[in-house]
PDB file of N, CA and C in Angstrom:
ATOM      1  N   MET A   1     101.173  85.585  56.728  1.00  0.00           N
ATOM      2  CA  MET A   1     100.258  84.460  56.708  1.00  0.00           C
ATOM      3  C   MET A   1     100.941  83.248  57.312  1.00  0.00           C
ATOM      4  N   ARG A   2     100.252  82.574  58.169  1.00  0.00           N
ATOM      5  CA  ARG A   2     100.815  81.420  58.862  1.00  0.00           C
ATOM      6  C   ARG A   2     100.291  80.135  58.221  1.00  0.00           C
ATOM      7  N   VAL A   3     101.201  79.196  57.937  1.00  0.00           N
ATOM      8  CA  VAL A   3     100.837  77.912  57.322  1.00  0.00           C
ATOM      9  C   VAL A   3     100.687  76.875  58.432  1.00  0.00           C
ATOM     10  N   LEU A   4      99.608  76.154  58.393  1.00  0.00           N
ATOM     11  CA  LEU A   4      99.377  75.121  59.392  1.00  0.00           C
ATOM     12  C   LEU A   4     100.308  73.939  59.158  1.00  0.00           C
ATOM     13  N   PRO A   5     100.819  73.313  60.226  1.00  0.00           N
ATOM     14  CA  PRO A   5     101.759  72.195  60.066  1.00  0.00           C
ATOM     15  C   PRO A   5     101.195  71.033  59.254  1.00  0.00           C
ATOM     16  N   GLU A   6      99.894  70.727  59.416  1.00  0.00           N
ATOM     17  CA  GLU A   6      99.345  69.585  58.672  1.00  0.00           C
ATOM     18  C   GLU A   6      99.307  69.856  57.172  1.00  0.00           C
ATOM     19  N   VAL A   7      99.211  71.136  56.776  1.00  0.00           N
ATOM     20  CA  VAL A   7      99.245  71.472  55.353  1.00  0.00           C
ATOM     21  C   VAL A   7     100.637  71.191  54.798  1.00  0.00           C
ATOM     22  N   CYS A   8     101.664  71.512  55.565  1.00  0.00           N
ATOM     23  CA  CYS A   8     103.037  71.245  55.134  1.00  0.00           C
ATOM     24  C   CYS A   8     103.282  69.749  55.000  1.00  0.00           C
ATOM     25  N   TRP A   9     102.780  68.979  55.975  1.00  0.00           N
ATOM     26  CA  TRP A   9     102.984  67.537  55.930  1.00  0.00           C
ATOM     27  C   TRP A   9     102.248  66.901  54.765  1.00  0.00           C
ATOM     28  N   THR A  10     101.045  67.361  54.472  1.00  0.00           N
ATOM     29  CA  THR A  10     100.324  66.769  53.346  1.00  0.00           C
ATOM     30  C   THR A  10     101.009  67.118  52.034  1.00  0.00           C
ATOM     31  N   GLY A  11     101.544  68.329  51.945  1.00  0.00           N
ATOM     32  CA  GLY A  11     102.291  68.705  50.747  1.00  0.00           C
ATOM     33  C   GLY A  11     103.557  67.894  50.596  1.00  0.00           C
ATOM     34  N   ALA A  12     104.270  67.693  51.712  1.00  0.00           N
ATOM     35  CA  ALA A  12     105.494  66.892  51.681  1.00  0.00           C
ATOM     36  C   ALA A  12     105.177  65.444  51.340  1.00  0.00           C
ATOM     37  N   ALA A  13     104.087  64.924  51.883  1.00  0.00           N
ATOM     38  CA  ALA A  13     103.698  63.549  51.587  1.00  0.00           C
ATOM     39  C   ALA A  13     103.356  63.395  50.110  1.00  0.00           C
ATOM     40  N   ARG A  14     102.701  64.392  49.548  1.00  0.00           N
ATOM     41  CA  ARG A  14     102.352  64.342  48.129  1.00  0.00           C
ATOM     42  C   ARG A  14     103.617  64.328  47.265  1.00  0.00           C
ATOM     43  N   VAL A  15     104.588  65.131  47.634  1.00  0.00           N
ATOM     44  CA  VAL A  15     105.846  65.181  46.885  1.00  0.00           C
ATOM     45  C   VAL A  15     106.574  63.840  47.009  1.00  0.00           C
ATOM     46  N   LEU A  16     106.607  63.276  48.207  1.00  0.00           N
ATOM     47  CA  LEU A  16     107.276  61.990  48.390  1.00  0.00           C
ATOM     48  C   LEU A  16     106.594  60.873  47.606  1.00  0.00           C
ATOM     49  N   ARG A  17     105.265  60.876  47.564  1.00  0.00           N
ATOM     50  CA  ARG A  17     104.550  59.874  46.758  1.00  0.00           C
ATOM     51  C   ARG A  17     104.886  60.033  45.280  1.00  0.00           C
ATOM     52  N   ALA A  18     104.986  61.272  44.814  1.00  0.00           N
ATOM     53  CA  ALA A  18     105.318  61.510  43.408  1.00  0.00           C
ATOM     54  C   ALA A  18     106.735  61.038  43.097  1.00  0.00           C
ATOM     55  N   VAL A  19     107.665  61.294  43.998  1.00  0.00           N
ATOM     56  CA  VAL A  19     109.049  60.852  43.795  1.00  0.00           C
ATOM     57  C   VAL A  19     109.113  59.327  43.798  1.00  0.00           C
ATOM     58  N   ARG A  20     108.388  58.699  44.720  1.00  0.00           N
ATOM     59  CA  ARG A  20     108.357  57.233  44.778  1.00  0.00           C
ATOM     60  C   ARG A  20     107.784  56.655  43.493  1.00  0.00           C
ATOM     61  N   TRP A  21     106.681  57.232  43.016  1.00  0.00           N
ATOM     62  CA  TRP A  21     106.082  56.762  41.761  1.00  0.00           C
ATOM     63  C   TRP A  21     107.086  56.887  40.611  1.00  0.00           C
ATOM     64  N   TYR A  22     107.749  58.032  40.529  1.00  0.00           N
ATOM     65  CA  TYR A  22     108.697  58.275  39.448  1.00  0.00           C
ATOM     66  C   TYR A  22     109.842  57.266  39.492  1.00  0.00           C
ATOM     67  N   LEU A  23     110.396  57.031  40.676  1.00  0.00           N
ATOM     68  CA  LEU A  23     111.509  56.093  40.793  1.00  0.00           C
ATOM     69  C   LEU A  23     111.080  54.669  40.454  1.00  0.00           C
ATOM     70  N   ARG A  24     109.876  54.255  40.863  1.00  0.00           N
ATOM     71  CA  ARG A  24     109.377  52.920  40.522  1.00  0.00           C
ATOM     72  C   ARG A  24     109.191  52.770  39.017  1.00  0.00           C
ATOM     73  N   GLU A  25     108.713  53.817  38.359  1.00  0.00           N
ATOM     74  CA  GLU A  25     108.563  53.767  36.901  1.00  0.00           C
ATOM     75  C   GLU A  25     109.928  53.748  36.217  1.00  0.00           C
ATOM     76  N   LEU A  26     110.854  54.523  36.734  1.00  0.00           N
ATOM     77  CA  LEU A  26     112.186  54.626  36.143  1.00  0.00           C
ATOM     78  C   LEU A  26     112.952  53.312  36.248  1.00  0.00           C
ATOM     79  N   THR A  27     112.847  52.633  37.379  1.00  0.00           N
ATOM     80  CA  THR A  27     113.586  51.390  37.594  1.00  0.00           C
ATOM     81  C   THR A  27     112.879  50.159  37.044  1.00  0.00           C
ATOM     82  N   GLY A  28     111.608  50.277  36.678  1.00  0.00           N
ATOM     83  CA  GLY A  28     110.875  49.141  36.139  1.00  0.00           C
ATOM     84  C   GLY A  28     110.174  48.310  37.192  1.00  0.00           C
ATOM     85  N   GLU A  29     110.232  48.730  38.435  1.00  0.00           N
ATOM     86  CA  GLU A  29     109.587  47.973  39.511  1.00  0.00           C
ATOM     87  C   GLU A  29     108.067  47.951  39.347  1.00  0.00           C
ATOM     88  N   ALA A  30     107.495  49.033  38.886  1.00  0.00           N
ATOM     89  CA  ALA A  30     106.045  49.104  38.698  1.00  0.00           C
ATOM     90  C   ALA A  30     105.594  48.190  37.561  1.00  0.00           C
ATOM     91  N   GLU A  31     106.484  47.911  36.623  1.00  0.00           N
ATOM     92  CA  GLU A  31     106.137  47.037  35.496  1.00  0.00           C
ATOM     93  C   GLU A  31     105.791  45.629  35.985  1.00  0.00           C
ATOM     94  N   TYR A  32     106.536  45.130  36.958  1.00  0.00           N
ATOM     95  CA  TYR A  32     106.240  43.800  37.514  1.00  0.00           C
ATOM     96  C   TYR A  32     104.878  43.807  38.204  1.00  0.00           C
ATOM     97  N   ASP A  33     104.568  44.864  38.935  1.00  0.00           N
ATOM     98  CA  ASP A  33     103.267  44.952  39.615  1.00  0.00           C
ATOM     99  C   ASP A  33     102.118  44.950  38.606  1.00  0.00           C
ATOM    100  N   ARG A  34     102.276  45.687  37.514  1.00  0.00           N
ATOM    101  CA  ARG A  34     101.242  45.696  36.475  1.00  0.00           C
ATOM    102  C   ARG A  34     101.110  44.318  35.830  1.00  0.00           C
ATOM    103  N   TYR A  35     102.249  43.647  35.628  1.00  0.00           N
ATOM    104  CA  TYR A  35     102.222  42.303  35.064  1.00  0.00           C
ATOM    105  C   TYR A  35     101.451  41.352  35.978  1.00  0.00           C
ATOM    106  N   CYS A  36     101.690  41.432  37.293  1.00  0.00           N
ATOM    107  CA  CYS A  36     100.996  40.554  38.253  1.00  0.00           C
ATOM    108  C   CYS A  36      99.495  40.790  38.213  1.00  0.00           C
ATOM    109  N   GLU A  37      99.074  42.044  38.167  1.00  0.00           N
ATOM    110  CA  GLU A  37      97.640  42.353  38.085  1.00  0.00           C
ATOM    111  C   GLU A  37      97.021  41.771  36.818  1.00  0.00           C
ATOM    112  N   ARG A  38      97.699  41.974  35.703  1.00  0.00           N
ATOM    113  CA  ARG A  38      97.198  41.468  34.424  1.00  0.00           C
ATOM    114  C   ARG A  38      97.165  39.939  34.420  1.00  0.00           C
ATOM    115  N   HIS A  39      98.200  39.317  34.978  1.00  0.00           N
ATOM    116  CA  HIS A  39      98.268  37.855  35.032  1.00  0.00           C
ATOM    117  C   HIS A  39      97.128  37.291  35.882  1.00  0.00           C
ATOM    118  N   ARG A  40      96.837  37.920  37.003  1.00  0.00           N
ATOM    119  CA  ARG A  40      95.752  37.453  37.874  1.00  0.00           C
ATOM    120  C   ARG A  40      94.393  37.579  37.193  1.00  0.00           C
ATOM    121  N   ARG A  41      94.218  38.639  36.406  1.00  0.00           N
ATOM    122  CA  ARG A  41      92.946  38.812  35.688  1.00  0.00           C
ATOM    123  C   ARG A  41      92.780  37.785  34.586  1.00  0.00           C
ATOM    124  N   ARG A  42      93.817  37.546  33.818  1.00  0.00           N
ATOM    125  CA  ARG A  42      93.725  36.650  32.665  1.00  0.00           C
ATOM    126  C   ARG A  42      93.823  35.176  33.035  1.00  0.00           C
ATOM    127  N   HIS A  43      94.570  34.867  34.087  1.00  0.00           N
ATOM    128  CA  HIS A  43      94.791  33.477  34.497  1.00  0.00           C
ATOM    129  C   HIS A  43      94.553  33.363  36.005  1.00  0.00           C
ATOM    130  N   PRO A  44      93.309  33.416  36.441  1.00  0.00           N
ATOM    131  CA  PRO A  44      93.037  33.461  37.885  1.00  0.00           C
ATOM    132  C   PRO A  44      93.493  32.234  38.665  1.00  0.00           C
ATOM    133  N   ARG A  45      93.580  31.093  38.029  1.00  0.00           N
ATOM    134  CA  ARG A  45      93.961  29.872  38.753  1.00  0.00           C
ATOM    135  C   ARG A  45      95.448  29.568  38.672  1.00  0.00           C
ATOM    136  N   ALA A  46      96.151  30.217  37.775  1.00  0.00           N
ATOM    137  CA  ALA A  46      97.582  29.960  37.613  1.00  0.00           C
ATOM    138  C   ALA A  46      98.387  30.748  38.648  1.00  0.00           C
ATOM    139  N   PRO A  47      99.469  30.165  39.137  1.00  0.00           N
ATOM    140  CA  PRO A  47     100.302  30.898  40.101  1.00  0.00           C
ATOM    141  C   PRO A  47     101.024  32.069  39.405  1.00  0.00           C
ATOM    142  N   VAL A  48     101.201  33.122  40.137  1.00  0.00           N
ATOM    143  CA  VAL A  48     101.890  34.301  39.599  1.00  0.00           C
ATOM    144  C   VAL A  48     103.392  34.052  39.667  1.00  0.00           C
ATOM    145  N   PRO A  49     104.115  34.284  38.569  1.00  0.00           N
ATOM    146  CA  PRO A  49     105.567  34.091  38.600  1.00  0.00           C
ATOM    147  C   PRO A  49     106.230  35.036  39.602  1.00  0.00           C
ATOM    148  N   THR A  50     107.323  34.584  40.176  1.00  0.00           N
ATOM    149  CA  THR A  50     108.088  35.441  41.076  1.00  0.00           C
ATOM    150  C   THR A  50     108.745  36.543  40.258  1.00  0.00           C
ATOM    151  N   ARG A  51     109.288  37.519  40.954  1.00  0.00           N
ATOM    152  CA  ARG A  51     109.963  38.625  40.262  1.00  0.00           C
ATOM    153  C   ARG A  51     111.119  38.089  39.414  1.00  0.00           C
ATOM    154  N   ARG A  52     111.855  37.138  39.942  1.00  0.00           N
ATOM    155  CA  ARG A  52     112.988  36.557  39.204  1.00  0.00           C
ATOM    156  C   ARG A  52     112.501  35.816  37.959  1.00  0.00           C
ATOM    157  N   GLU A  53     111.454  35.020  38.101  1.00  0.00           N
ATOM    158  CA  GLU A  53     110.902  34.304  36.952  1.00  0.00           C
ATOM    159  C   GLU A  53     110.393  35.287  35.901  1.00  0.00           C
ATOM    160  N   TYR A  54     109.795  36.378  36.357  1.00  0.00           N
ATOM    161  CA  TYR A  54     109.312  37.398  35.433  1.00  0.00           C
ATOM    162  C   TYR A  54     110.474  38.013  34.657  1.00  0.00           C
ATOM    163  N   GLN A  55     111.564  38.298  35.349  1.00  0.00           N
ATOM    164  CA  GLN A  55     112.726  38.883  34.678  1.00  0.00           C
ATOM    165  C   GLN A  55     113.291  37.939  33.620  1.00  0.00           C
ATOM    166  N   VAL A  56     113.312  36.649  33.920  1.00  0.00           N
ATOM    167  CA  VAL A  56     113.800  35.662  32.951  1.00  0.00           C
ATOM    168  C   VAL A  56     112.878  35.619  31.736  1.00  0.00           C
ATOM    169  N   LEU A  57     111.561  35.589  31.978  1.00  0.00           N
ATOM    170  CA  LEU A  57     110.596  35.580  30.875  1.00  0.00           C
ATOM    171  C   LEU A  57     110.728  36.837  30.017  1.00  0.00           C
ATOM    172  N   ARG A  58     110.867  37.968  30.658  1.00  0.00           N
ATOM    173  CA  ARG A  58     110.984  39.242  29.954  1.00  0.00           C
ATOM    174  C   ARG A  58     112.259  39.298  29.105  1.00  0.00           C
ATOM    175  N   THR A  59     113.362  38.831  29.684  1.00  0.00           N
ATOM    176  CA  THR A  59     114.633  38.823  28.948  1.00  0.00           C
ATOM    177  C   THR A  59     114.558  37.880  27.756  1.00  0.00           C
ATOM    178  N   ARG A  60     113.996  36.700  27.971  1.00  0.00           N
ATOM    179  CA  ARG A  60     113.858  35.725  26.890  1.00  0.00           C
ATOM    180  C   ARG A  60     112.996  36.293  25.756  1.00  0.00           C
ATOM    181  N   HIS A  61     111.895  36.942  26.125  1.00  0.00           N
ATOM    182  CA  HIS A  61     111.009  37.528  25.114  1.00  0.00           C
ATOM    183  C   HIS A  61     111.732  38.610  24.314  1.00  0.00           C
ATOM    184  N   ARG A  62     112.486  39.447  24.977  1.00  0.00           N
ATOM    185  CA  ARG A  62     113.212  40.512  24.270  1.00  0.00           C
ATOM    186  C   ARG A  62     114.283  39.958  23.336  1.00  0.00           C
ATOM    187  N   GLU A  63     114.908  38.856  23.733  1.00  0.00           N
ATOM    188  CA  GLU A  63     115.924  38.253  22.877  1.00  0.00           C
ATOM    189  C   GLU A  63     115.293  37.575  21.662  1.00  0.00           C
ATOM    190  N   GLU A  64     114.118  36.976  21.846  1.00  0.00           N
ATOM    191  CA  GLU A  64     113.459  36.281  20.747  1.00  0.00           C
ATOM    192  C   GLU A  64     112.706  37.216  19.814  1.00  0.00           C
ATOM    193  N   HIS A  65     112.347  38.404  20.306  1.00  0.00           N
ATOM    194  CA  HIS A  65     111.598  39.384  19.505  1.00  0.00           C
ATOM    195  C   HIS A  65     112.304  40.734  19.531  1.00  0.00           C
ATOM    196  N   PRO A  66     113.445  40.840  18.847  1.00  0.00           N
ATOM    197  CA  PRO A  66     114.173  42.117  18.871  1.00  0.00           C
ATOM    198  C   PRO A  66     113.405  43.202  18.114  1.00  0.00           C
ATOM    199  N   GLN A  67     113.525  44.405  18.601  1.00  0.00           N
ATOM    200  CA  GLN A  67     112.895  45.548  17.936  1.00  0.00           C
ATOM    201  C   GLN A  67     113.993  46.398  17.322  1.00  0.00           C
ATOM    202  N   SER A  68     113.798  46.746  16.069  1.00  0.00           N
ATOM    203  CA  SER A  68     114.792  47.604  15.438  1.00  0.00           C
ATOM    204  C   SER A  68     114.545  49.048  15.866  1.00  0.00           C
ATOM    205  N   ARG A  69     115.633  49.755  16.025  1.00  0.00           N
ATOM    206  CA  ARG A  69     115.552  51.152  16.427  1.00  0.00           C
ATOM    207  C   ARG A  69     116.357  51.989  15.449  1.00  0.00           C
ATOM    208  N   CYS A  70     115.919  53.196  15.275  1.00  0.00           N
ATOM    209  CA  CYS A  70     116.625  54.062  14.333  1.00  0.00           C
ATOM    210  C   CYS A  70     117.902  54.640  14.946  1.00  0.00           C
ATOM    211  N   CYS A  71     117.934  54.760  16.265  1.00  0.00           N
ATOM    212  CA  CYS A  71     119.090  55.407  16.902  1.00  0.00           C
ATOM    213  C   CYS A  71     119.694  54.527  17.968  1.00  0.00           C
TER     214      CYS A  71
END
């Protein structure tokens, strides 16, 4: 059975998209994108914080609201 080249490319593209999604979730990059979407919906007239400003806000929030963990 012969596989058409475009089938191979679409399969490879699907795998690459999945790897990209996984890496963005793993590194936290997608979290900033979700934050921007949510911020635009809730505060349409307010400017969206930069990635650096978001990181500062996130770090400050985690320091002020620690979560206890069992392990």
